[in-house]
Amino acid sequence: MKLFRLFVRLRVLVNFIVAATHVIAPEFILKLAGMAHVVPIGWVQYAGVQIAIITAVYIPAAMNPDRNQGSSLFACFATVPLVILFLCQGWYWFAVYDAVFILILTASYRRAVMQEVMKLP
């Protein structure tokens, strides 16, 4: 479970950095994504706040994945619909970012669960 907790903590840290960038520098995010300027710019900031709120749900998984299995599964699979959305919109970097974390978290969680199952009599 240590490896899974490490990856969830890394995802939380990276997501909070991304969320803060959305709130503090929304123009930078739009430029980085190659999107047109949005009016009002508050929509980009709102997206950053949503990222932070969703990421906060991952925190129990980072603390104790055994006790917080729902949060652990949410951390693994919550962004699958976003990957599909990003691919459909042509936002490939966003899709790759989420897909890589999905694969890493799912593989490490599966490994951790299998280790716990093998400890049972």
PDB file of N, CA and C in Angstrom:
ATOM      1  N   MET A   1       0.819  -1.208   0.000  1.00  0.00           N
ATOM      2  CA  MET A   1       0.000   0.000   0.000  1.00  0.00           C
ATOM      3  C   MET A   1       0.862   1.271   0.000  1.00  0.00           C
ATOM      4  N   LYS A   2       2.127   1.130   0.388  1.00  0.00           N
ATOM      5  CA  LYS A   2       2.989   2.311   0.444  1.00  0.00           C
ATOM      6  C   LYS A   2       3.155   2.955  -0.932  1.00  0.00           C
ATOM      7  N   LEU A   3       3.316   2.120  -1.942  1.00  0.00           N
ATOM      8  CA  LEU A   3       3.504   2.648  -3.295  1.00  0.00           C
ATOM      9  C   LEU A   3       2.237   3.362  -3.773  1.00  0.00           C
ATOM     10  N   PHE A   4       1.079   2.765  -3.515  1.00  0.00           N
ATOM     11  CA  PHE A   4      -0.181   3.395  -3.893  1.00  0.00           C
ATOM     12  C   PHE A   4      -0.347   4.727  -3.176  1.00  0.00           C
ATOM     13  N   ARG A   5      -0.081   4.753  -1.870  1.00  0.00           N
ATOM     14  CA  ARG A   5      -0.199   6.014  -1.116  1.00  0.00           C
ATOM     15  C   ARG A   5       0.739   7.073  -1.675  1.00  0.00           C
ATOM     16  N   LEU A   6       1.945   6.660  -2.048  1.00  0.00           N
ATOM     17  CA  LEU A   6       2.900   7.607  -2.630  1.00  0.00           C
ATOM     18  C   LEU A   6       2.354   8.205  -3.929  1.00  0.00           C
ATOM     19  N   PHE A   7       1.803   7.361  -4.803  1.00  0.00           N
ATOM     20  CA  PHE A   7       1.260   7.846  -6.075  1.00  0.00           C
ATOM     21  C   PHE A   7       0.029   8.723  -5.877  1.00  0.00           C
ATOM     22  N   VAL A   8      -0.812   8.378  -4.921  1.00  0.00           N
ATOM     23  CA  VAL A   8      -1.986   9.226  -4.652  1.00  0.00           C
ATOM     24  C   VAL A   8      -1.532  10.579  -4.118  1.00  0.00           C
ATOM     25  N   ARG A   9      -0.562  10.576  -3.238  1.00  0.00           N
ATOM     26  CA  ARG A   9      -0.042  11.852  -2.716  1.00  0.00           C
ATOM     27  C   ARG A   9       0.579  12.691  -3.826  1.00  0.00           C
ATOM     28  N   LEU A  10       1.285  12.035  -4.731  1.00  0.00           N
ATOM     29  CA  LEU A  10       1.849  12.750  -5.873  1.00  0.00           C
ATOM     30  C   LEU A  10       0.737  13.349  -6.735  1.00  0.00           C
ATOM     31  N   ARG A  11      -0.315  12.571  -6.963  1.00  0.00           N
ATOM     32  CA  ARG A  11      -1.434  13.085  -7.767  1.00  0.00           C
ATOM     33  C   ARG A  11      -2.098  14.259  -7.071  1.00  0.00           C
ATOM     34  N   VAL A  12      -2.283  14.156  -5.758  1.00  0.00           N
ATOM     35  CA  VAL A  12      -2.895  15.257  -5.010  1.00  0.00           C
ATOM     36  C   VAL A  12      -2.037  16.513  -5.144  1.00  0.00           C
ATOM     37  N   LEU A  13      -0.740  16.368  -4.969  1.00  0.00           N
ATOM     38  CA  LEU A  13       0.155  17.518  -5.072  1.00  0.00           C
ATOM     39  C   LEU A  13       0.104  18.144  -6.466  1.00  0.00           C
ATOM     40  N   VAL A  14       0.216  17.326  -7.487  1.00  0.00           N
ATOM     41  CA  VAL A  14       0.203  17.841  -8.861  1.00  0.00           C
ATOM     42  C   VAL A  14      -1.142  18.478  -9.189  1.00  0.00           C
ATOM     43  N   ASN A  15      -2.238  17.818  -8.782  1.00  0.00           N
ATOM     44  CA  ASN A  15      -3.559  18.379  -9.063  1.00  0.00           C
ATOM     45  C   ASN A  15      -3.778  19.716  -8.366  1.00  0.00           C
ATOM     46  N   PHE A  16      -3.300  19.849  -7.127  1.00  0.00           N
ATOM     47  CA  PHE A  16      -3.453  21.128  -6.438  1.00  0.00           C
ATOM     48  C   PHE A  16      -2.613  22.217  -7.108  1.00  0.00           C
ATOM     49  N   ILE A  17      -1.455  21.854  -7.640  1.00  0.00           N
ATOM     50  CA  ILE A  17      -0.652  22.829  -8.385  1.00  0.00           C
ATOM     51  C   ILE A  17      -1.397  23.253  -9.657  1.00  0.00           C
ATOM     52  N   VAL A  18      -1.979  22.278 -10.358  1.00  0.00           N
ATOM     53  CA  VAL A  18      -2.754  22.582 -11.563  1.00  0.00           C
ATOM     54  C   VAL A  18      -3.956  23.451 -11.211  1.00  0.00           C
ATOM     55  N   ALA A  19      -4.646  23.107 -10.123  1.00  0.00           N
ATOM     56  CA  ALA A  19      -5.817  23.884  -9.701  1.00  0.00           C
ATOM     57  C   ALA A  19      -5.423  25.313  -9.348  1.00  0.00           C
ATOM     58  N   ALA A  20      -4.327  25.465  -8.619  1.00  0.00           N
ATOM     59  CA  ALA A  20      -3.876  26.810  -8.249  1.00  0.00           C
ATOM     60  C   ALA A  20      -3.501  27.618  -9.484  1.00  0.00           C
ATOM     61  N   THR A  21      -2.895  26.968 -10.464  1.00  0.00           N
ATOM     62  CA  THR A  21      -2.549  27.663 -11.704  1.00  0.00           C
ATOM     63  C   THR A  21      -3.800  28.123 -12.440  1.00  0.00           C
ATOM     64  N   HIS A  22      -4.837  27.296 -12.433  1.00  0.00           N
ATOM     65  CA  HIS A  22      -6.110  27.703 -13.045  1.00  0.00           C
ATOM     66  C   HIS A  22      -6.673  28.951 -12.373  1.00  0.00           C
ATOM     67  N   VAL A  23      -6.581  28.988 -11.057  1.00  0.00           N
ATOM     68  CA  VAL A  23      -7.170  30.108 -10.308  1.00  0.00           C
ATOM     69  C   VAL A  23      -6.306  31.366 -10.426  1.00  0.00           C
ATOM     70  N   ILE A  24      -4.993  31.205 -10.321  1.00  0.00           N
ATOM     71  CA  ILE A  24      -4.089  32.354 -10.284  1.00  0.00           C
ATOM     72  C   ILE A  24      -3.771  32.887 -11.681  1.00  0.00           C
ATOM     73  N   ALA A  25      -3.561  31.975 -12.646  1.00  0.00           N
ATOM     74  CA  ALA A  25      -3.151  32.393 -13.990  1.00  0.00           C
ATOM     75  C   ALA A  25      -3.996  31.698 -15.057  1.00  0.00           C
ATOM     76  N   PRO A  26      -5.281  32.023 -15.135  1.00  0.00           N
ATOM     77  CA  PRO A  26      -6.138  31.333 -16.107  1.00  0.00           C
ATOM     78  C   PRO A  26      -5.731  31.581 -17.560  1.00  0.00           C
ATOM     79  N   GLU A  27      -5.167  32.744 -17.851  1.00  0.00           N
ATOM     80  CA  GLU A  27      -4.729  33.033 -19.219  1.00  0.00           C
ATOM     81  C   GLU A  27      -3.608  32.085 -19.630  1.00  0.00           C
ATOM     82  N   PHE A  28      -2.713  31.787 -18.690  1.00  0.00           N
ATOM     83  CA  PHE A  28      -1.614  30.859 -18.956  1.00  0.00           C
ATOM     84  C   PHE A  28      -2.151  29.469 -19.301  1.00  0.00           C
ATOM     85  N   ILE A  29      -3.147  29.017 -18.562  1.00  0.00           N
ATOM     86  CA  ILE A  29      -3.754  27.704 -18.819  1.00  0.00           C
ATOM     87  C   ILE A  29      -4.375  27.677 -20.214  1.00  0.00           C
ATOM     88  N   LEU A  30      -5.093  28.737 -20.574  1.00  0.00           N
ATOM     89  CA  LEU A  30      -5.715  28.796 -21.896  1.00  0.00           C
ATOM     90  C   LEU A  30      -4.655  28.766 -22.998  1.00  0.00           C
ATOM     91  N   LYS A  31      -3.586  29.507 -22.786  1.00  0.00           N
ATOM     92  CA  LYS A  31      -2.507  29.543 -23.776  1.00  0.00           C
ATOM     93  C   LYS A  31      -1.825  28.182 -23.866  1.00  0.00           C
ATOM     94  N   LEU A  32      -1.579  27.555 -22.742  1.00  0.00           N
ATOM     95  CA  LEU A  32      -0.946  26.242 -22.703  1.00  0.00           C
ATOM     96  C   LEU A  32      -1.801  25.200 -23.411  1.00  0.00           C
ATOM     97  N   ALA A  33      -3.103  25.299 -23.256  1.00  0.00           N
ATOM     98  CA  ALA A  33      -4.027  24.344 -23.874  1.00  0.00           C
ATOM     99  C   ALA A  33      -4.339  24.697 -25.323  1.00  0.00           C
ATOM    100  N   GLY A  34      -3.914  25.863 -25.764  1.00  0.00           N
ATOM    101  CA  GLY A  34      -4.199  26.281 -27.131  1.00  0.00           C
ATOM    102  C   GLY A  34      -5.661  26.624 -27.338  1.00  0.00           C
ATOM    103  N   MET A  35      -6.301  27.118 -26.287  1.00  0.00           N
ATOM    104  CA  MET A  35      -7.719  27.461 -26.364  1.00  0.00           C
ATOM    105  C   MET A  35      -7.879  28.964 -26.547  1.00  0.00           C
ATOM    106  N   ALA A  36      -9.020  29.343 -27.080  1.00  0.00           N
ATOM    107  CA  ALA A  36      -9.335  30.751 -27.247  1.00  0.00           C
ATOM    108  C   ALA A  36      -9.645  31.373 -25.888  1.00  0.00           C
ATOM    109  N   HIS A  37      -9.499  32.678 -25.811  1.00  0.00           N
ATOM    110  CA  HIS A  37      -9.815  33.380 -24.569  1.00  0.00           C
ATOM    111  C   HIS A  37     -11.303  33.223 -24.246  1.00  0.00           C
ATOM    112  N   VAL A  38     -11.578  32.920 -23.003  1.00  0.00           N
ATOM    113  CA  VAL A  38     -12.952  32.694 -22.552  1.00  0.00           C
ATOM    114  C   VAL A  38     -13.461  33.942 -21.848  1.00  0.00           C
ATOM    115  N   VAL A  39     -14.701  34.320 -22.127  1.00  0.00           N
ATOM    116  CA  VAL A  39     -15.315  35.455 -21.446  1.00  0.00           C
ATOM    117  C   VAL A  39     -16.536  34.936 -20.719  1.00  0.00           C
ATOM    118  N   PRO A  40     -16.674  35.095 -19.447  1.00  0.00           N
ATOM    119  CA  PRO A  40     -15.690  35.650 -18.527  1.00  0.00           C
ATOM    120  C   PRO A  40     -14.620  34.618 -18.168  1.00  0.00           C
ATOM    121  N   ILE A  41     -13.455  35.106 -17.807  1.00  0.00           N
ATOM    122  CA  ILE A  41     -12.305  34.257 -17.480  1.00  0.00           C
ATOM    123  C   ILE A  41     -12.560  33.432 -16.215  1.00  0.00           C
ATOM    124  N   GLY A  42     -13.565  33.817 -15.468  1.00  0.00           N
ATOM    125  CA  GLY A  42     -13.926  33.099 -14.247  1.00  0.00           C
ATOM    126  C   GLY A  42     -14.256  31.637 -14.470  1.00  0.00           C
ATOM    127  N   TRP A  43     -14.651  31.257 -15.685  1.00  0.00           N
ATOM    128  CA  TRP A  43     -14.938  29.857 -15.969  1.00  0.00           C
ATOM    129  C   TRP A  43     -13.691  28.990 -15.835  1.00  0.00           C
ATOM    130  N   VAL A  44     -12.566  29.520 -16.239  1.00  0.00           N
ATOM    131  CA  VAL A  44     -11.307  28.772 -16.103  1.00  0.00           C
ATOM    132  C   VAL A  44     -10.948  28.651 -14.625  1.00  0.00           C
ATOM    133  N   GLN A  45     -11.146  29.730 -13.889  1.00  0.00           N
ATOM    134  CA  GLN A  45     -10.882  29.688 -12.449  1.00  0.00           C
ATOM    135  C   GLN A  45     -11.827  28.718 -11.750  1.00  0.00           C
ATOM    136  N   TYR A  46     -13.072  28.694 -12.179  1.00  0.00           N
ATOM    137  CA  TYR A  46     -14.048  27.759 -11.631  1.00  0.00           C
ATOM    138  C   TYR A  46     -13.602  26.315 -11.880  1.00  0.00           C
ATOM    139  N   ALA A  47     -13.053  26.042 -13.056  1.00  0.00           N
ATOM    140  CA  ALA A  47     -12.537  24.704 -13.353  1.00  0.00           C
ATOM    141  C   ALA A  47     -11.418  24.330 -12.382  1.00  0.00           C
ATOM    142  N   GLY A  48     -10.578  25.297 -12.044  1.00  0.00           N
ATOM    143  CA  GLY A  48      -9.516  25.053 -11.069  1.00  0.00           C
ATOM    144  C   GLY A  48     -10.055  24.704  -9.695  1.00  0.00           C
ATOM    145  N   VAL A  49     -11.098  25.400  -9.293  1.00  0.00           N
ATOM    146  CA  VAL A  49     -11.729  25.097  -8.001  1.00  0.00           C
ATOM    147  C   VAL A  49     -12.329  23.693  -8.031  1.00  0.00           C
ATOM    148  N   GLN A  50     -12.947  23.313  -9.142  1.00  0.00           N
ATOM    149  CA  GLN A  50     -13.509  21.961  -9.267  1.00  0.00           C
ATOM    150  C   GLN A  50     -12.420  20.895  -9.195  1.00  0.00           C
ATOM    151  N   ILE A  51     -11.277  21.155  -9.811  1.00  0.00           N
ATOM    152  CA  ILE A  51     -10.148  20.225  -9.728  1.00  0.00           C
ATOM    153  C   ILE A  51      -9.735  20.046  -8.271  1.00  0.00           C
ATOM    154  N   ALA A  52      -9.665  21.144  -7.539  1.00  0.00           N
ATOM    155  CA  ALA A  52      -9.280  21.073  -6.124  1.00  0.00           C
ATOM    156  C   ALA A  52     -10.301  20.288  -5.305  1.00  0.00           C
ATOM    157  N   ILE A  53     -11.579  20.498  -5.567  1.00  0.00           N
ATOM    158  CA  ILE A  53     -12.623  19.790  -4.820  1.00  0.00           C
ATOM    159  C   ILE A  53     -12.564  18.294  -5.107  1.00  0.00           C
ATOM    160  N   ILE A  54     -12.438  17.922  -6.375  1.00  0.00           N
ATOM    161  CA  ILE A  54     -12.348  16.503  -6.723  1.00  0.00           C
ATOM    162  C   ILE A  54     -11.096  15.882  -6.115  1.00  0.00           C
ATOM    163  N   THR A  55     -10.006  16.608  -6.142  1.00  0.00           N
ATOM    164  CA  THR A  55      -8.753  16.107  -5.588  1.00  0.00           C
ATOM    165  C   THR A  55      -8.849  15.909  -4.087  1.00  0.00           C
ATOM    166  N   ALA A  56      -9.600  16.735  -3.406  1.00  0.00           N
ATOM    167  CA  ALA A  56      -9.755  16.588  -1.956  1.00  0.00           C
ATOM    168  C   ALA A  56     -10.352  15.234  -1.590  1.00  0.00           C
ATOM    169  N   VAL A  57     -11.136  14.658  -2.481  1.00  0.00           N
ATOM    170  CA  VAL A  57     -11.721  13.333  -2.219  1.00  0.00           C
ATOM    171  C   VAL A  57     -10.646  12.253  -2.232  1.00  0.00           C
ATOM    172  N   TYR A  58      -9.510  12.499  -2.876  1.00  0.00           N
ATOM    173  CA  TYR A  58      -8.424  11.522  -2.921  1.00  0.00           C
ATOM    174  C   TYR A  58      -7.656  11.447  -1.601  1.00  0.00           C
ATOM    175  N   ILE A  59      -7.735  12.462  -0.789  1.00  0.00           N
ATOM    176  CA  ILE A  59      -6.897  12.549   0.413  1.00  0.00           C
ATOM    177  C   ILE A  59      -7.092  11.370   1.359  1.00  0.00           C
ATOM    178  N   PRO A  60      -8.319  10.905   1.643  1.00  0.00           N
ATOM    179  CA  PRO A  60      -8.436   9.716   2.505  1.00  0.00           C
ATOM    180  C   PRO A  60      -7.719   8.488   1.930  1.00  0.00           C
ATOM    181  N   ALA A  61      -7.694   8.353   0.616  1.00  0.00           N
ATOM    182  CA  ALA A  61      -6.969   7.237  -0.001  1.00  0.00           C
ATOM    183  C   ALA A  61      -5.468   7.374   0.220  1.00  0.00           C
ATOM    184  N   ALA A  62      -4.982   8.597   0.235  1.00  0.00           N
ATOM    185  CA  ALA A  62      -3.558   8.824   0.473  1.00  0.00           C
ATOM    186  C   ALA A  62      -3.178   8.548   1.923  1.00  0.00           C
ATOM    187  N   MET A  63      -4.131   8.723   2.822  1.00  0.00           N
ATOM    188  CA  MET A  63      -3.848   8.525   4.243  1.00  0.00           C
ATOM    189  C   MET A  63      -3.941   7.051   4.653  1.00  0.00           C
ATOM    190  N   ASN A  64      -5.046   6.402   4.275  1.00  0.00           N
ATOM    191  CA  ASN A  64      -5.250   5.007   4.662  1.00  0.00           C
ATOM    192  C   ASN A  64      -6.114   4.308   3.614  1.00  0.00           C
ATOM    193  N   PRO A  65      -5.491   3.779   2.572  1.00  0.00           N
ATOM    194  CA  PRO A  65      -6.271   3.172   1.494  1.00  0.00           C
ATOM    195  C   PRO A  65      -7.047   1.927   1.919  1.00  0.00           C
ATOM    196  N   ASP A  66      -6.552   1.212   2.920  1.00  0.00           N
ATOM    197  CA  ASP A  66      -7.265   0.019   3.393  1.00  0.00           C
ATOM    198  C   ASP A  66      -8.623   0.378   3.978  1.00  0.00           C
ATOM    199  N   ARG A  67      -8.658   1.418   4.758  1.00  0.00           N
ATOM    200  CA  ARG A  67      -9.899   1.844   5.403  1.00  0.00           C
ATOM    201  C   ARG A  67     -10.811   2.624   4.489  1.00  0.00           C
ATOM    202  N   ASN A  68     -10.229   3.279   3.522  1.00  0.00           N
ATOM    203  CA  ASN A  68     -10.990   4.154   2.627  1.00  0.00           C
ATOM    204  C   ASN A  68     -10.985   3.594   1.206  1.00  0.00           C
ATOM    205  N   GLN A  69     -11.558   2.419   1.055  1.00  0.00           N
ATOM    206  CA  GLN A  69     -11.530   1.749  -0.244  1.00  0.00           C
ATOM    207  C   GLN A  69     -12.328   2.511  -1.296  1.00  0.00           C
ATOM    208  N   GLY A  70     -13.427   3.121  -0.903  1.00  0.00           N
ATOM    209  CA  GLY A  70     -14.209   3.905  -1.861  1.00  0.00           C
ATOM    210  C   GLY A  70     -13.409   5.061  -2.414  1.00  0.00           C
ATOM    211  N   SER A  71     -12.714   5.744  -1.534  1.00  0.00           N
ATOM    212  CA  SER A  71     -11.871   6.861  -1.963  1.00  0.00           C
ATOM    213  C   SER A  71     -10.713   6.362  -2.830  1.00  0.00           C
ATOM    214  N   SER A  72     -10.197   5.191  -2.499  1.00  0.00           N
ATOM    215  CA  SER A  72      -9.108   4.614  -3.291  1.00  0.00           C
ATOM    216  C   SER A  72      -9.575   4.278  -4.702  1.00  0.00           C
ATOM    217  N   LEU A  73     -10.740   3.670  -4.812  1.00  0.00           N
ATOM    218  CA  LEU A  73     -11.281   3.357  -6.134  1.00  0.00           C
ATOM    219  C   LEU A  73     -11.626   4.626  -6.900  1.00  0.00           C
ATOM    220  N   PHE A  74     -12.139   5.631  -6.187  1.00  0.00           N
ATOM    221  CA  PHE A  74     -12.435   6.917  -6.816  1.00  0.00           C
ATOM    222  C   PHE A  74     -11.155   7.539  -7.369  1.00  0.00           C
ATOM    223  N   ALA A  75     -10.073   7.457  -6.599  1.00  0.00           N
ATOM    224  CA  ALA A  75      -8.792   8.007  -7.055  1.00  0.00           C
ATOM    225  C   ALA A  75      -8.314   7.304  -8.323  1.00  0.00           C
ATOM    226  N   CYS A  76      -8.629   6.006  -8.435  1.00  0.00           N
ATOM    227  CA  CYS A  76      -8.206   5.244  -9.614  1.00  0.00           C
ATOM    228  C   CYS A  76      -9.046   5.554 -10.846  1.00  0.00           C
ATOM    229  N   PHE A  77     -10.360   5.682 -10.678  1.00  0.00           N
ATOM    230  CA  PHE A  77     -11.247   5.682 -11.843  1.00  0.00           C
ATOM    231  C   PHE A  77     -12.060   6.957 -12.062  1.00  0.00           C
ATOM    232  N   ALA A  78     -11.969   7.930 -11.206  1.00  0.00           N
ATOM    233  CA  ALA A  78     -12.833   9.111 -11.316  1.00  0.00           C
ATOM    234  C   ALA A  78     -12.614   9.903 -12.599  1.00  0.00           C
ATOM    235  N   THR A  79     -11.422   9.870 -13.128  1.00  0.00           N
ATOM    236  CA  THR A  79     -11.136  10.707 -14.293  1.00  0.00           C
ATOM    237  C   THR A  79     -11.255   9.976 -15.625  1.00  0.00           C
ATOM    238  N   VAL A  80     -11.745   8.734 -15.617  1.00  0.00           N
ATOM    239  CA  VAL A  80     -11.939   8.009 -16.883  1.00  0.00           C
ATOM    240  C   VAL A  80     -12.866   8.790 -17.824  1.00  0.00           C
ATOM    241  N   PRO A  81     -14.018   9.300 -17.339  1.00  0.00           N
ATOM    242  CA  PRO A  81     -14.857  10.086 -18.255  1.00  0.00           C
ATOM    243  C   PRO A  81     -14.155  11.342 -18.782  1.00  0.00           C
ATOM    244  N   LEU A  82     -13.286  11.919 -17.970  1.00  0.00           N
ATOM    245  CA  LEU A  82     -12.560  13.104 -18.427  1.00  0.00           C
ATOM    246  C   LEU A  82     -11.590  12.759 -19.550  1.00  0.00           C
ATOM    247  N   VAL A  83     -10.944  11.607 -19.450  1.00  0.00           N
ATOM    248  CA  VAL A  83     -10.032  11.187 -20.518  1.00  0.00           C
ATOM    249  C   VAL A  83     -10.798  11.077 -21.834  1.00  0.00           C
ATOM    250  N   ILE A  84     -11.977  10.473 -21.775  1.00  0.00           N
ATOM    251  CA  ILE A  84     -12.807  10.346 -22.978  1.00  0.00           C
ATOM    252  C   ILE A  84     -13.193  11.724 -23.510  1.00  0.00           C
ATOM    253  N   LEU A  85     -13.618  12.605 -22.615  1.00  0.00           N
ATOM    254  CA  LEU A  85     -13.984  13.967 -23.016  1.00  0.00           C
ATOM    255  C   LEU A  85     -12.793  14.690 -23.647  1.00  0.00           C
ATOM    256  N   PHE A  86     -11.638  14.609 -23.006  1.00  0.00           N
ATOM    257  CA  PHE A  86     -10.455  15.291 -23.524  1.00  0.00           C
ATOM    258  C   PHE A  86     -10.063  14.758 -24.898  1.00  0.00           C
ATOM    259  N   LEU A  87     -10.151  13.454 -25.095  1.00  0.00           N
ATOM    260  CA  LEU A  87      -9.828  12.879 -26.398  1.00  0.00           C
ATOM    261  C   LEU A  87     -10.809  13.356 -27.466  1.00  0.00           C
ATOM    262  N   CYS A  88     -12.084  13.403 -27.118  1.00  0.00           N
ATOM    263  CA  CYS A  88     -13.096  13.867 -28.076  1.00  0.00           C
ATOM    264  C   CYS A  88     -12.913  15.337 -28.434  1.00  0.00           C
ATOM    265  N   GLN A  89     -12.428  16.136 -27.505  1.00  0.00           N
ATOM    266  CA  GLN A  89     -12.233  17.561 -27.747  1.00  0.00           C
ATOM    267  C   GLN A  89     -10.883  17.871 -28.385  1.00  0.00           C
ATOM    268  N   GLY A  90     -10.009  16.859 -28.464  1.00  0.00           N
ATOM    269  CA  GLY A  90      -8.687  17.081 -29.040  1.00  0.00           C
ATOM    270  C   GLY A  90      -7.682  17.641 -28.058  1.00  0.00           C
ATOM    271  N   TRP A  91      -7.985  17.574 -26.782  1.00  0.00           N
ATOM    272  CA  TRP A  91      -7.070  18.056 -25.746  1.00  0.00           C
ATOM    273  C   TRP A  91      -6.216  16.885 -25.270  1.00  0.00           C
ATOM    274  N   TYR A  92      -5.284  16.481 -26.104  1.00  0.00           N
ATOM    275  CA  TYR A  92      -4.545  15.242 -25.896  1.00  0.00           C
ATOM    276  C   TYR A  92      -3.637  15.275 -24.674  1.00  0.00           C
ATOM    277  N   TRP A  93      -3.027  16.420 -24.361  1.00  0.00           N
ATOM    278  CA  TRP A  93      -2.152  16.490 -23.196  1.00  0.00           C
ATOM    279  C   TRP A  93      -2.928  16.284 -21.901  1.00  0.00           C
ATOM    280  N   PHE A  94      -4.128  16.831 -21.834  1.00  0.00           N
ATOM    281  CA  PHE A  94      -4.964  16.609 -20.650  1.00  0.00           C
ATOM    282  C   PHE A  94      -5.338  15.131 -20.535  1.00  0.00           C
ATOM    283  N   ALA A  95      -5.655  14.515 -21.681  1.00  0.00           N
ATOM    284  CA  ALA A  95      -6.025  13.097 -21.692  1.00  0.00           C
ATOM    285  C   ALA A  95      -4.844  12.222 -21.260  1.00  0.00           C
ATOM    286  N   VAL A  96      -3.673  12.526 -21.768  1.00  0.00           N
ATOM    287  CA  VAL A  96      -2.481  11.753 -21.409  1.00  0.00           C
ATOM    288  C   VAL A  96      -2.188  11.893 -19.919  1.00  0.00           C
ATOM    289  N   TYR A  97      -2.262  13.114 -19.404  1.00  0.00           N
ATOM    290  CA  TYR A  97      -2.021  13.374 -17.977  1.00  0.00           C
ATOM    291  C   TYR A  97      -2.921  12.502 -17.106  1.00  0.00           C
ATOM    292  N   ASP A  98      -4.226  12.526 -17.371  1.00  0.00           N
ATOM    293  CA  ASP A  98      -5.147  11.740 -16.567  1.00  0.00           C
ATOM    294  C   ASP A  98      -4.995  10.245 -16.823  1.00  0.00           C
ATOM    295  N   ALA A  99      -4.786   9.848 -18.062  1.00  0.00           N
ATOM    296  CA  ALA A  99      -4.659   8.425 -18.379  1.00  0.00           C
ATOM    297  C   ALA A  99      -3.436   7.803 -17.714  1.00  0.00           C
ATOM    298  N   VAL A 100      -2.336   8.529 -17.693  1.00  0.00           N
ATOM    299  CA  VAL A 100      -1.130   8.012 -17.040  1.00  0.00           C
ATOM    300  C   VAL A 100      -1.384   7.806 -15.554  1.00  0.00           C
ATOM    301  N   PHE A 101      -2.013   8.770 -14.907  1.00  0.00           N
ATOM    302  CA  PHE A 101      -2.314   8.602 -13.489  1.00  0.00           C
ATOM    303  C   PHE A 101      -3.311   7.468 -13.254  1.00  0.00           C
ATOM    304  N   ILE A 102      -4.287   7.306 -14.135  1.00  0.00           N
ATOM    305  CA  ILE A 102      -5.229   6.189 -14.000  1.00  0.00           C
ATOM    306  C   ILE A 102      -4.475   4.866 -14.029  1.00  0.00           C
ATOM    307  N   LEU A 103      -3.600   4.705 -14.996  1.00  0.00           N
ATOM    308  CA  LEU A 103      -2.849   3.451 -15.127  1.00  0.00           C
ATOM    309  C   LEU A 103      -1.939   3.200 -13.927  1.00  0.00           C
ATOM    310  N   ILE A 104      -1.219   4.229 -13.497  1.00  0.00           N
ATOM    311  CA  ILE A 104      -0.302   4.075 -12.367  1.00  0.00           C
ATOM    312  C   ILE A 104      -1.076   3.752 -11.085  1.00  0.00           C
ATOM    313  N   LEU A 105      -2.125   4.509 -10.808  1.00  0.00           N
ATOM    314  CA  LEU A 105      -2.887   4.281  -9.582  1.00  0.00           C
ATOM    315  C   LEU A 105      -3.592   2.932  -9.588  1.00  0.00           C
ATOM    316  N   THR A 106      -4.167   2.560 -10.721  1.00  0.00           N
ATOM    317  CA  THR A 106      -4.868   1.275 -10.797  1.00  0.00           C
ATOM    318  C   THR A 106      -3.903   0.114 -10.624  1.00  0.00           C
ATOM    319  N   ALA A 107      -2.760   0.183 -11.276  1.00  0.00           N
ATOM    320  CA  ALA A 107      -1.772  -0.901 -11.151  1.00  0.00           C
ATOM    321  C   ALA A 107      -1.241  -1.002  -9.729  1.00  0.00           C
ATOM    322  N   SER A 108      -0.934   0.120  -9.114  1.00  0.00           N
ATOM    323  CA  SER A 108      -0.390   0.074  -7.750  1.00  0.00           C
ATOM    324  C   SER A 108      -1.456  -0.341  -6.742  1.00  0.00           C
ATOM    325  N   TYR A 109      -2.719   0.060  -6.958  1.00  0.00           N
ATOM    326  CA  TYR A 109      -3.788  -0.349  -6.050  1.00  0.00           C
ATOM    327  C   TYR A 109      -4.065  -1.842  -6.191  1.00  0.00           C
ATOM    328  N   ARG A 110      -4.087  -2.331  -7.419  1.00  0.00           N
ATOM    329  CA  ARG A 110      -4.295  -3.762  -7.638  1.00  0.00           C
ATOM    330  C   ARG A 110      -3.197  -4.569  -6.962  1.00  0.00           C
ATOM    331  N   ARG A 111      -1.971  -4.125  -7.104  1.00  0.00           N
ATOM    332  CA  ARG A 111      -0.846  -4.812  -6.473  1.00  0.00           C
ATOM    333  C   ARG A 111      -0.992  -4.813  -4.959  1.00  0.00           C
ATOM    334  N   ALA A 112      -1.374  -3.673  -4.411  1.00  0.00           N
ATOM    335  CA  ALA A 112      -1.531  -3.565  -2.959  1.00  0.00           C
ATOM    336  C   ALA A 112      -2.659  -4.463  -2.455  1.00  0.00           C
ATOM    337  N   VAL A 113      -3.761  -4.504  -3.175  1.00  0.00           N
ATOM    338  CA  VAL A 113      -4.890  -5.352  -2.776  1.00  0.00           C
ATOM    339  C   VAL A 113      -4.490  -6.821  -2.852  1.00  0.00           C
ATOM    340  N   MET A 114      -3.784  -7.202  -3.900  1.00  0.00           N
ATOM    341  CA  MET A 114      -3.351  -8.592  -4.026  1.00  0.00           C
ATOM    342  C   MET A 114      -2.402  -8.972  -2.890  1.00  0.00           C
ATOM    343  N   GLN A 115      -1.542  -8.069  -2.475  1.00  0.00           N
ATOM    344  CA  GLN A 115      -0.650  -8.354  -1.353  1.00  0.00           C
ATOM    345  C   GLN A 115      -1.451  -8.551  -0.062  1.00  0.00           C
ATOM    346  N   GLU A 116      -2.490  -7.740   0.129  1.00  0.00           N
ATOM    347  CA  GLU A 116      -3.330  -7.877   1.309  1.00  0.00           C
ATOM    348  C   GLU A 116      -4.107  -9.193   1.281  1.00  0.00           C
ATOM    349  N   VAL A 117      -4.587  -9.580   0.122  1.00  0.00           N
ATOM    350  CA  VAL A 117      -5.321 -10.849  -0.007  1.00  0.00           C
ATOM    351  C   VAL A 117      -4.406 -12.029   0.281  1.00  0.00           C
ATOM    352  N   MET A 118      -3.164 -11.952  -0.177  1.00  0.00           N
ATOM    353  CA  MET A 118      -2.226 -13.052   0.049  1.00  0.00           C
ATOM    354  C   MET A 118      -1.866 -13.223   1.524  1.00  0.00           C
ATOM    355  N   LYS A 119      -2.060 -12.186   2.327  1.00  0.00           N
ATOM    356  CA  LYS A 119      -1.779 -12.279   3.778  1.00  0.00           C
ATOM    357  C   LYS A 119      -2.874 -13.042   4.518  1.00  0.00           C
ATOM    358  N   LEU A 120      -4.068 -13.138   3.896  1.00  0.00           N
ATOM    359  CA  LEU A 120      -5.181 -13.818   4.554  1.00  0.00           C
ATOM    360  C   LEU A 120      -4.914 -15.317   4.627  1.00  0.00           C
ATOM    361  N   PRO A 121      -5.429 -15.963   5.693  1.00  0.00           N
ATOM    362  CA  PRO A 121      -5.197 -17.413   5.827  1.00  0.00           C
ATOM    363  C   PRO A 121      -5.949 -18.223   4.798  1.00  0.00           C
TER     364      PRO A 121
END
